[in-house]
Amino acid sequence: MTSSSFLLSSILLCASFIAAVPARVQNPALAADTVPYKANPAAMQSLQLPSQGALLNAFVYIAAGATPHPTVILLHGFPGNESNLDLAQSIRRAGWNVLYFDYLGSWGSPAAFSFTHCIEDTQSAIDYLRNPAHATQLHADTRTIVLAGRSMGGFLAIEAGGAFDPAIKAVITLSAADLGVSHFQSLPTGKREAAISALAAALAAEVMAPLDGTTPENLANEVFSHATQWNFVNLAPKFATRPLLVLTSDDGWSAL
């Protein structure tokens, strides 16, 4: 099964617990466009999403049909070369809206990039969708918002609305980057510095040209300063009553 089919099927399975959406593993939207709606066809609307006094580059894939659609906020990874928009196309064909945006300091969105800003930007995206005027314009059902993200995007799905906003209906992560490992803070000074250097080197290897106002060293220090706050295990109880799908892979980061 392709990544598109697996994630879309997972979204539909989560949706079966939260809305009247049939959970079908072999959804026809995976392979082909559905019959077009002449009155309300599928569309894409670009926008600038307000966050922390700046405007993020963003767009929404709007599903066909006049009725309000459940919406997935699709969160890209670090730095965002893989945008996973193949998933967004399939999700839209299945009748869901998809909101995609670039975090502060990334891919032309202004200001300085940081992981903290990314968390705040995700919360801003949730607030944007819940604005009644925006929901009407985008044909969005504000009662059904799902967060889905890969790598750093999975981290954001958990750390932002996923953990702290009980109205988020479900969270899906693909190889989520666990940037909050609590034992980092208890390392002796020498080992701590070595661990920060190793993480900075790994971040630098991702090629940070699309990111502004930061360095690999700044980001590594930010991770270590929030190690306990961002620990996935500490946040687990917050997901006890909601669908949470966690998909993992051996992507080379486990040693950090």
Protein backbone atom coordinates (compact mmCIF):
# COMPACT_ATOMS: atom_id res chain seq x y z
CA MET A 1 0.00 0.00 0.00
CA THR A 2 1.39 3.44 -0.89
CA SER A 3 1.98 6.19 1.68
CA SER A 4 -1.03 8.04 0.28
CA SER A 5 -3.36 5.09 0.62
CA PHE A 6 -2.08 4.18 4.08
CA LEU A 7 -2.46 7.67 5.52
CA LEU A 8 -5.82 8.32 3.88
CA SER A 9 -7.16 4.99 5.07
CA SER A 10 -5.89 5.84 8.54
CA ILE A 11 -7.64 9.21 8.47
CA LEU A 12 -10.87 7.54 7.46
CA LEU A 13 -10.48 4.97 10.20
CA CYS A 14 -10.02 7.76 12.74
CA ALA A 15 -12.99 9.55 11.22
CA SER A 16 -15.19 6.54 11.79
CA PHE A 17 -14.93 7.28 15.51
CA ILE A 18 -15.66 11.00 15.21
CA ALA A 19 -18.03 11.61 12.31
CA ALA A 20 -20.40 9.93 9.94
CA VAL A 21 -17.63 9.06 7.46
CA PRO A 22 -17.33 5.45 6.31
CA ALA A 23 -13.98 3.81 7.03
CA ARG A 24 -12.95 2.07 3.82
CA VAL A 25 -9.42 0.81 3.32
CA GLN A 26 -9.75 0.79 -0.47
CA ASN A 27 -11.28 4.22 -0.96
CA PRO A 28 -11.79 5.11 -4.65
CA ALA A 29 -10.37 8.59 -3.96
CA LEU A 30 -6.93 7.02 -3.74
CA ALA A 31 -6.67 6.27 -7.43
CA ALA A 32 -8.86 8.69 -9.38
CA ASP A 33 -10.87 11.88 -9.23
CA THR A 34 -14.46 11.54 -8.16
CA VAL A 35 -17.39 12.75 -10.27
CA PRO A 36 -17.03 16.56 -10.43
CA TYR A 37 -19.55 18.83 -8.76
CA LYS A 38 -20.52 21.46 -11.31
CA ALA A 39 -22.03 23.82 -8.75
CA ASN A 40 -19.32 23.45 -6.10
CA PRO A 41 -16.22 21.83 -7.64
CA ALA A 42 -13.05 21.03 -5.74
CA ALA A 43 -10.81 24.08 -5.48
CA MET A 44 -7.61 25.51 -4.04
CA GLN A 45 -7.54 28.85 -2.23
CA SER A 46 -4.24 30.54 -1.37
CA LEU A 47 -4.14 32.77 1.68
CA GLN A 48 -1.90 34.47 4.23
CA LEU A 49 -2.42 33.03 7.66
CA PRO A 50 -1.89 35.44 10.59
CA SER A 51 0.51 34.20 13.26
CA GLN A 52 2.36 36.22 15.91
CA GLY A 53 1.99 39.47 14.03
CA ALA A 54 3.20 38.06 10.71
CA LEU A 55 1.53 36.41 7.72
CA LEU A 56 2.33 32.82 6.78
CA ASN A 57 2.17 31.53 3.22
CA ALA A 58 -0.68 29.03 3.13
CA PHE A 59 -3.36 27.42 1.00
CA VAL A 60 -6.39 25.20 1.42
CA TYR A 61 -7.46 22.36 -0.82
CA ILE A 62 -11.26 22.65 -0.66
CA ALA A 63 -13.25 19.49 -1.24
CA ALA A 64 -16.14 19.38 -3.71
CA GLY A 65 -19.66 19.99 -2.53
CA ALA A 66 -21.50 22.82 -0.80
CA THR A 67 -21.78 21.33 2.69
CA PRO A 68 -19.09 22.01 5.33
CA HIS A 69 -16.16 19.59 5.13
CA PRO A 70 -14.02 18.12 7.91
CA THR A 71 -10.50 19.50 7.64
CA VAL A 72 -7.00 18.08 7.98
CA ILE A 73 -4.16 20.43 8.89
CA LEU A 74 -1.19 18.83 7.12
CA LEU A 75 2.09 19.71 8.84
CA HIS A 76 5.31 19.34 6.87
CA GLY A 77 8.65 18.23 8.23
CA PHE A 78 12.07 19.83 8.59
CA PRO A 79 12.85 21.87 6.60
CA GLY A 80 9.94 20.98 4.31
CA ASN A 81 11.40 19.74 1.02
CA GLU A 82 8.94 16.83 1.18
CA SER A 83 5.55 18.49 1.42
CA ASN A 84 3.40 15.32 1.17
CA LEU A 85 0.90 17.06 -1.08
CA ASP A 86 0.13 13.74 -2.77
CA LEU A 87 -1.60 12.91 0.50
CA ALA A 88 -3.44 16.22 0.42
CA GLN A 89 -4.83 15.52 -3.05
CA SER A 90 -6.13 12.12 -2.00
CA ILE A 91 -7.59 13.50 1.22
CA ARG A 92 -9.46 16.19 -0.73
CA ARG A 93 -10.87 13.60 -3.14
CA ALA A 94 -12.19 11.74 -0.10
CA GLY A 95 -14.25 14.79 0.88
CA TRP A 96 -11.95 16.53 3.37
CA ASN A 97 -10.41 19.99 3.20
CA VAL A 98 -6.64 20.23 3.69
CA LEU A 99 -4.87 23.29 5.13
CA TYR A 100 -1.14 23.52 4.37
CA PHE A 101 1.17 26.34 5.45
CA ASP A 102 4.83 27.28 5.85
CA TYR A 103 5.99 28.10 9.37
CA LEU A 104 7.50 31.45 10.34
CA GLY A 105 10.96 31.76 8.88
CA SER A 106 10.47 28.95 6.35
CA TRP A 107 9.99 28.97 2.59
CA GLY A 108 9.36 32.70 2.35
CA SER A 109 7.13 33.14 5.39
CA PRO A 110 8.68 36.07 7.33
CA ALA A 111 10.47 36.22 10.71
CA ALA A 112 12.92 33.82 12.37
CA PHE A 113 12.42 30.07 12.31
CA SER A 114 12.28 28.11 15.55
CA PHE A 115 10.53 24.98 16.80
CA THR A 116 8.65 27.11 19.33
CA HIS A 117 7.37 29.33 16.54
CA CYS A 118 6.25 26.24 14.62
CA ILE A 119 4.14 25.11 17.58
CA GLU A 120 2.60 28.57 17.85
CA ASP A 121 1.98 28.68 14.08
CA THR A 122 0.10 25.39 14.27
CA GLN A 123 -2.11 26.83 16.98
CA SER A 124 -2.68 29.90 14.79
CA ALA A 125 -3.77 27.64 11.93
CA ILE A 126 -6.33 25.96 14.18
CA ASP A 127 -7.65 29.36 15.27
CA TYR A 128 -7.86 30.49 11.65
CA LEU A 129 -10.06 27.56 10.70
CA ARG A 130 -12.35 28.16 13.67
CA ASN A 131 -13.03 31.76 12.70
CA PRO A 132 -16.66 31.68 11.49
CA ALA A 133 -15.96 33.90 8.48
CA HIS A 134 -13.04 31.75 7.36
CA ALA A 135 -14.99 28.54 7.94
CA THR A 136 -17.81 29.80 5.73
CA GLN A 137 -15.41 30.89 3.00
CA LEU A 138 -13.59 27.55 3.01
CA HIS A 139 -16.67 25.34 3.50
CA ALA A 140 -15.00 24.00 6.65
CA ASP A 141 -16.68 22.09 9.46
CA THR A 142 -15.04 23.59 12.53
CA ARG A 143 -16.25 20.68 14.67
CA THR A 144 -14.00 18.20 12.89
CA ILE A 145 -10.34 19.22 12.65
CA VAL A 146 -7.62 16.58 12.43
CA LEU A 147 -3.87 17.20 12.71
CA ALA A 148 -1.59 15.06 10.54
CA GLY A 149 2.16 15.48 10.21
CA ARG A 150 5.38 13.75 9.19
CA SER A 151 8.68 14.00 11.08
CA MET A 152 8.78 17.51 12.61
CA GLY A 153 5.16 17.86 11.50
CA GLY A 154 4.26 14.87 13.67
CA PHE A 155 6.01 16.54 16.59
CA LEU A 156 3.91 19.66 15.99
CA ALA A 157 0.66 17.69 15.72
CA ILE A 158 1.30 16.30 19.19
CA GLU A 159 2.81 19.36 20.87
CA ALA A 160 0.37 21.96 19.53
CA GLY A 161 -3.38 21.45 19.37
CA GLY A 162 -3.11 17.69 19.64
CA ALA A 163 -2.06 17.67 23.29
CA PHE A 164 -3.53 20.93 24.51
CA ASP A 165 -6.74 21.35 22.53
CA PRO A 166 -9.30 18.65 23.40
CA ALA A 167 -11.53 19.80 20.54
CA ILE A 168 -9.05 18.43 17.99
CA LYS A 169 -10.78 15.24 16.90
CA ALA A 170 -7.79 13.07 16.03
CA VAL A 171 -4.02 13.17 15.51
CA ILE A 172 -1.97 11.21 12.99
CA THR A 173 1.83 11.12 13.01
CA LEU A 174 4.22 9.65 10.46
CA SER A 175 7.71 9.08 11.90
CA ALA A 176 7.17 11.93 14.35
CA ALA A 177 10.41 13.58 15.50
CA ASP A 178 10.53 13.25 19.29
CA LEU A 179 12.36 16.48 20.12
CA GLY A 180 11.69 16.22 23.84
CA VAL A 181 13.76 13.44 25.40
CA SER A 182 13.84 14.21 29.11
CA HIS A 183 17.11 12.40 29.91
CA PHE A 184 18.97 14.97 27.78
CA GLN A 185 18.64 17.47 30.62
CA SER A 186 20.30 15.17 33.14
CA LEU A 187 23.42 14.60 31.05
CA PRO A 188 26.75 15.71 32.53
CA THR A 189 28.04 18.96 31.00
CA GLY A 190 30.57 17.30 28.70
CA LYS A 191 28.11 14.74 27.36
CA ARG A 192 25.39 17.35 27.04
CA GLU A 193 27.60 19.50 24.82
CA ALA A 194 28.47 16.48 22.69
CA ALA A 195 24.81 15.58 22.32
CA ILE A 196 23.92 19.14 21.29
CA SER A 197 26.72 19.10 18.72
CA ALA A 198 25.50 15.78 17.32
CA LEU A 199 21.94 17.09 16.98
CA ALA A 200 23.18 20.32 15.36
CA ALA A 201 25.15 18.29 12.84
CA ALA A 202 22.10 16.18 12.02
CA LEU A 203 19.97 19.30 11.51
CA ALA A 204 22.65 20.90 9.32
CA ALA A 205 22.70 17.78 7.15
CA GLU A 206 19.06 18.46 6.25
CA VAL A 207 20.17 21.64 4.37
CA MET A 208 18.69 24.68 6.08
CA ALA A 209 18.70 27.11 3.15
CA PRO A 210 14.87 27.45 3.17
CA LEU A 211 15.00 28.61 6.82
CA ASP A 212 15.72 32.17 8.01
CA GLY A 213 17.00 33.69 11.23
CA THR A 214 18.45 30.60 12.88
CA THR A 215 21.35 28.14 12.89
CA PRO A 216 21.62 24.40 13.56
CA GLU A 217 23.26 25.22 16.89
CA ASN A 218 20.41 27.54 17.92
CA LEU A 219 17.83 24.88 17.11
CA ALA A 220 19.76 22.15 18.93
CA ASN A 221 20.01 24.30 22.04
CA GLU A 222 16.28 25.05 21.79
CA VAL A 223 15.54 21.31 21.75
CA PHE A 224 17.65 20.64 24.81
CA SER A 225 16.18 23.58 26.74
CA HIS A 226 12.65 22.18 26.21
CA ALA A 227 13.50 18.51 26.68
CA THR A 228 11.08 17.82 29.52
CA GLN A 229 8.32 20.12 28.24
CA TRP A 230 8.27 18.45 24.81
CA ASN A 231 8.55 14.84 25.99
CA PHE A 232 6.00 12.68 24.17
CA VAL A 233 5.62 10.26 27.08
CA ASN A 234 4.65 13.08 29.43
CA LEU A 235 1.89 14.13 27.02
CA ALA A 236 0.45 10.64 26.47
CA PRO A 237 -2.38 10.98 29.05
CA LYS A 238 -3.82 13.90 27.09
CA PHE A 239 -4.68 11.52 24.24
CA ALA A 240 -6.52 8.96 26.35
CA THR A 241 -9.95 9.88 24.99
CA ARG A 242 -9.16 10.65 21.33
CA PRO A 243 -8.03 8.68 18.27
CA LEU A 244 -4.22 8.83 17.92
CA LEU A 245 -2.50 6.99 15.10
CA VAL A 246 1.28 6.67 15.42
CA LEU A 247 3.23 5.34 12.43
CA THR A 248 6.98 4.87 12.79
CA SER A 249 9.93 3.92 10.63
CA ASP A 250 13.65 3.36 10.89
CA ASP A 251 14.64 6.74 9.48
CA GLY A 252 18.11 7.09 10.96
CA TRP A 253 17.22 9.41 13.81
CA SER A 254 16.84 6.83 16.57
CA ALA A 255 20.44 7.17 17.72
CA LEU A 256 20.06 10.86 18.61
